[in-house]
Amino acid sequence: MQTVALLTISNVFMTFAWYGHLKFKDSPLFTVILVSWGIAFVEYCFQVPANRIGHGQFTAAQLKTIQEVITLVVFSISRSST
């Protein structure tokens, strides 16, 4: 369960890093790149421990599948709220 929770948090940050900048089209590209990289760093700080913890319970393929399902759910929720 800890793995799924960490992957979910990771995906929330990932969604902001990948798509959040689209709301700031007037900002310089270099600025949104740096901000996105900063957010992605936080995302990575959750994803790496999730995968390390989860690898004892799941195979790499199962972890990737869990990650993709969570990604779709988080993205769907974030798109429906805008």
N, C-alpha and C. Protein backbone atom coordinates (compact mmCIF):
# COMPACT_ATOMS: atom_id res chain seq x y z
N MET A 1 0.82 -1.19 0.00
CA MET A 1 0.00 0.00 0.00
C MET A 1 0.86 1.26 0.00
N GLN A 2 1.99 1.22 0.69
CA GLN A 2 2.90 2.36 0.72
C GLN A 2 3.40 2.69 -0.68
N THR A 3 3.67 1.67 -1.47
CA THR A 3 4.13 1.87 -2.84
C THR A 3 3.08 2.61 -3.65
N VAL A 4 1.85 2.19 -3.56
CA VAL A 4 0.76 2.83 -4.32
C VAL A 4 0.57 4.28 -3.87
N ALA A 5 0.66 4.53 -2.58
CA ALA A 5 0.51 5.90 -2.07
C ALA A 5 1.64 6.80 -2.59
N LEU A 6 2.87 6.31 -2.53
CA LEU A 6 4.00 7.09 -3.03
C LEU A 6 3.91 7.32 -4.54
N LEU A 7 3.48 6.31 -5.27
CA LEU A 7 3.32 6.47 -6.72
C LEU A 7 2.21 7.46 -7.05
N THR A 8 1.17 7.47 -6.24
CA THR A 8 0.07 8.43 -6.46
C THR A 8 0.57 9.85 -6.23
N ILE A 9 1.28 10.07 -5.14
CA ILE A 9 1.84 11.40 -4.87
C ILE A 9 2.79 11.80 -6.00
N SER A 10 3.62 10.87 -6.40
CA SER A 10 4.55 11.11 -7.50
C SER A 10 3.82 11.56 -8.76
N ASN A 11 2.72 10.90 -9.05
CA ASN A 11 1.98 11.21 -10.27
C ASN A 11 1.28 12.56 -10.21
N VAL A 12 0.87 12.98 -9.04
CA VAL A 12 0.28 14.31 -8.91
C VAL A 12 1.32 15.36 -9.30
N PHE A 13 2.53 15.21 -8.76
CA PHE A 13 3.61 16.15 -9.12
C PHE A 13 3.96 16.04 -10.60
N MET A 14 4.00 14.82 -11.12
CA MET A 14 4.33 14.62 -12.53
C MET A 14 3.32 15.32 -13.43
N THR A 15 2.05 15.21 -13.10
CA THR A 15 1.01 15.84 -13.91
C THR A 15 1.18 17.35 -13.92
N PHE A 16 1.49 17.94 -12.75
CA PHE A 16 1.74 19.38 -12.70
C PHE A 16 2.98 19.75 -13.50
N ALA A 17 4.03 18.95 -13.39
CA ALA A 17 5.27 19.25 -14.10
C ALA A 17 5.07 19.18 -15.61
N TRP A 18 4.31 18.21 -16.08
CA TRP A 18 4.14 18.02 -17.52
C TRP A 18 3.12 18.97 -18.13
N TYR A 19 2.04 19.25 -17.40
CA TYR A 19 0.93 20.00 -18.01
C TYR A 19 0.61 21.33 -17.33
N GLY A 20 1.11 21.56 -16.14
CA GLY A 20 0.80 22.79 -15.41
C GLY A 20 1.25 24.05 -16.12
N HIS A 21 2.36 23.95 -16.84
CA HIS A 21 2.90 25.12 -17.52
C HIS A 21 1.98 25.63 -18.63
N LEU A 22 1.06 24.81 -19.08
CA LEU A 22 0.17 25.22 -20.16
C LEU A 22 -0.75 26.37 -19.73
N LYS A 23 -0.92 26.54 -18.42
CA LYS A 23 -1.73 27.65 -17.91
C LYS A 23 -0.94 28.96 -17.88
N PHE A 24 0.36 28.89 -18.14
CA PHE A 24 1.23 30.07 -18.07
C PHE A 24 1.89 30.33 -19.41
N LYS A 25 1.09 30.44 -20.44
CA LYS A 25 1.62 30.59 -21.80
C LYS A 25 2.36 31.92 -22.02
N ASP A 26 2.11 32.90 -21.15
CA ASP A 26 2.80 34.18 -21.29
C ASP A 26 4.16 34.19 -20.60
N SER A 27 4.44 33.18 -19.82
CA SER A 27 5.74 33.09 -19.14
C SER A 27 6.81 32.65 -20.12
N PRO A 28 8.04 33.12 -19.91
CA PRO A 28 9.13 32.71 -20.80
C PRO A 28 9.34 31.19 -20.75
N LEU A 29 9.65 30.62 -21.87
CA LEU A 29 9.83 29.17 -21.97
C LEU A 29 10.90 28.68 -21.00
N PHE A 30 12.00 29.40 -20.90
CA PHE A 30 13.08 28.99 -20.00
C PHE A 30 12.59 28.90 -18.56
N THR A 31 11.76 29.85 -18.15
CA THR A 31 11.22 29.85 -16.79
C THR A 31 10.34 28.63 -16.54
N VAL A 32 9.43 28.35 -17.47
CA VAL A 32 8.55 27.20 -17.24
C VAL A 32 9.32 25.89 -17.31
N ILE A 33 10.39 25.84 -18.08
CA ILE A 33 11.23 24.64 -18.10
C ILE A 33 11.87 24.44 -16.73
N LEU A 34 12.44 25.51 -16.17
CA LEU A 34 13.07 25.38 -14.85
C LEU A 34 12.07 25.00 -13.77
N VAL A 35 10.90 25.62 -13.79
CA VAL A 35 9.87 25.30 -12.79
C VAL A 35 9.43 23.85 -12.96
N SER A 36 9.21 23.42 -14.21
CA SER A 36 8.80 22.03 -14.46
C SER A 36 9.86 21.05 -13.98
N TRP A 37 11.14 21.36 -14.19
CA TRP A 37 12.21 20.49 -13.72
C TRP A 37 12.24 20.43 -12.20
N GLY A 38 11.97 21.56 -11.55
CA GLY A 38 11.91 21.57 -10.09
C GLY A 38 10.79 20.69 -9.56
N ILE A 39 9.63 20.79 -10.20
CA ILE A 39 8.50 19.95 -9.80
C ILE A 39 8.81 18.48 -10.08
N ALA A 40 9.44 18.23 -11.22
CA ALA A 40 9.79 16.85 -11.59
C ALA A 40 10.79 16.26 -10.59
N PHE A 41 11.67 17.08 -10.05
CA PHE A 41 12.60 16.60 -9.03
C PHE A 41 11.84 16.08 -7.80
N VAL A 42 10.84 16.85 -7.36
CA VAL A 42 10.03 16.42 -6.22
C VAL A 42 9.31 15.11 -6.57
N GLU A 43 8.79 15.04 -7.78
CA GLU A 43 8.12 13.81 -8.24
C GLU A 43 9.06 12.62 -8.15
N TYR A 44 10.29 12.83 -8.59
CA TYR A 44 11.29 11.77 -8.59
C TYR A 44 11.62 11.32 -7.16
N CYS A 45 11.57 12.26 -6.22
CA CYS A 45 11.85 11.93 -4.81
C CYS A 45 10.78 11.01 -4.21
N PHE A 46 9.62 10.96 -4.82
CA PHE A 46 8.58 10.01 -4.38
C PHE A 46 8.62 8.73 -5.22
N GLN A 47 8.92 8.86 -6.50
CA GLN A 47 8.88 7.71 -7.38
C GLN A 47 9.98 6.69 -7.07
N VAL A 48 11.19 7.17 -6.87
CA VAL A 48 12.31 6.25 -6.63
C VAL A 48 12.09 5.41 -5.36
N PRO A 49 11.74 6.02 -4.23
CA PRO A 49 11.46 5.18 -3.05
C PRO A 49 10.28 4.23 -3.27
N ALA A 50 9.26 4.69 -3.99
CA ALA A 50 8.11 3.82 -4.26
C ALA A 50 8.55 2.57 -5.01
N ASN A 51 9.38 2.76 -6.01
CA ASN A 51 9.83 1.61 -6.80
C ASN A 51 10.79 0.71 -6.01
N ARG A 52 11.62 1.32 -5.19
CA ARG A 52 12.53 0.50 -4.37
C ARG A 52 11.77 -0.31 -3.34
N ILE A 53 10.80 0.32 -2.69
CA ILE A 53 9.98 -0.39 -1.69
C ILE A 53 9.13 -1.45 -2.39
N GLY A 54 8.52 -1.06 -3.49
CA GLY A 54 7.61 -1.95 -4.20
C GLY A 54 8.26 -3.12 -4.88
N HIS A 55 9.55 -2.99 -5.20
CA HIS A 55 10.21 -4.08 -5.92
C HIS A 55 10.30 -5.34 -5.09
N GLY A 56 10.19 -5.24 -3.79
CA GLY A 56 10.16 -6.42 -2.94
C GLY A 56 8.83 -7.16 -3.00
N GLN A 57 7.78 -6.45 -3.43
CA GLN A 57 6.44 -7.04 -3.49
C GLN A 57 5.99 -7.30 -4.92
N PHE A 58 6.47 -6.49 -5.85
CA PHE A 58 6.02 -6.56 -7.24
C PHE A 58 7.20 -6.74 -8.18
N THR A 59 6.93 -7.27 -9.34
CA THR A 59 7.96 -7.33 -10.38
C THR A 59 8.05 -5.94 -11.03
N ALA A 60 9.08 -5.72 -11.81
CA ALA A 60 9.23 -4.44 -12.51
C ALA A 60 8.04 -4.21 -13.45
N ALA A 61 7.58 -5.25 -14.12
CA ALA A 61 6.43 -5.10 -15.02
C ALA A 61 5.17 -4.73 -14.25
N GLN A 62 4.98 -5.32 -13.08
CA GLN A 62 3.81 -4.98 -12.26
C GLN A 62 3.89 -3.54 -11.76
N LEU A 63 5.09 -3.11 -11.35
CA LEU A 63 5.26 -1.73 -10.90
C LEU A 63 4.94 -0.75 -12.03
N LYS A 64 5.40 -1.07 -13.23
CA LYS A 64 5.13 -0.20 -14.38
C LYS A 64 3.64 -0.15 -14.68
N THR A 65 2.98 -1.27 -14.59
CA THR A 65 1.53 -1.32 -14.83
C THR A 65 0.79 -0.50 -13.78
N ILE A 66 1.16 -0.65 -12.52
CA ILE A 66 0.55 0.14 -11.45
C ILE A 66 0.77 1.62 -11.72
N GLN A 67 2.00 1.98 -12.09
CA GLN A 67 2.34 3.37 -12.38
C GLN A 67 1.46 3.94 -13.50
N GLU A 68 1.27 3.18 -14.56
CA GLU A 68 0.48 3.65 -15.70
C GLU A 68 -1.00 3.80 -15.34
N VAL A 69 -1.52 2.88 -14.57
CA VAL A 69 -2.93 2.98 -14.15
C VAL A 69 -3.11 4.22 -13.27
N ILE A 70 -2.21 4.43 -12.33
CA ILE A 70 -2.29 5.62 -11.48
C ILE A 70 -2.17 6.88 -12.32
N THR A 71 -1.27 6.88 -13.29
CA THR A 71 -1.11 8.03 -14.18
C THR A 71 -2.41 8.37 -14.89
N LEU A 72 -3.08 7.37 -15.41
CA LEU A 72 -4.35 7.60 -16.11
C LEU A 72 -5.42 8.14 -15.17
N VAL A 73 -5.48 7.60 -13.97
CA VAL A 73 -6.48 8.06 -13.00
C VAL A 73 -6.19 9.50 -12.58
N VAL A 74 -4.95 9.81 -12.23
CA VAL A 74 -4.60 11.16 -11.79
C VAL A 74 -4.83 12.15 -12.92
N PHE A 75 -4.43 11.80 -14.13
CA PHE A 75 -4.61 12.71 -15.27
C PHE A 75 -6.11 12.93 -15.53
N SER A 76 -6.89 11.87 -15.47
CA SER A 76 -8.34 11.99 -15.71
C SER A 76 -8.99 12.90 -14.66
N ILE A 77 -8.59 12.74 -13.42
CA ILE A 77 -9.13 13.58 -12.36
C ILE A 77 -8.70 15.04 -12.56
N SER A 78 -7.44 15.24 -12.89
CA SER A 78 -6.95 16.62 -13.06
C SER A 78 -7.61 17.29 -14.26
N ARG A 79 -7.92 16.56 -15.30
CA ARG A 79 -8.56 17.15 -16.48
C ARG A 79 -10.03 17.42 -16.22
N SER A 80 -10.67 16.61 -15.41
CA SER A 80 -12.09 16.81 -15.15
C SER A 80 -12.33 17.97 -14.19
N SER A 81 -11.31 18.34 -13.43
CA SER A 81 -11.46 19.45 -12.48
C SER A 81 -11.15 20.80 -13.07
N THR A 82 -10.71 20.85 -14.32
CA THR A 82 -10.40 22.15 -14.93
C THR A 82 -11.50 22.62 -15.84
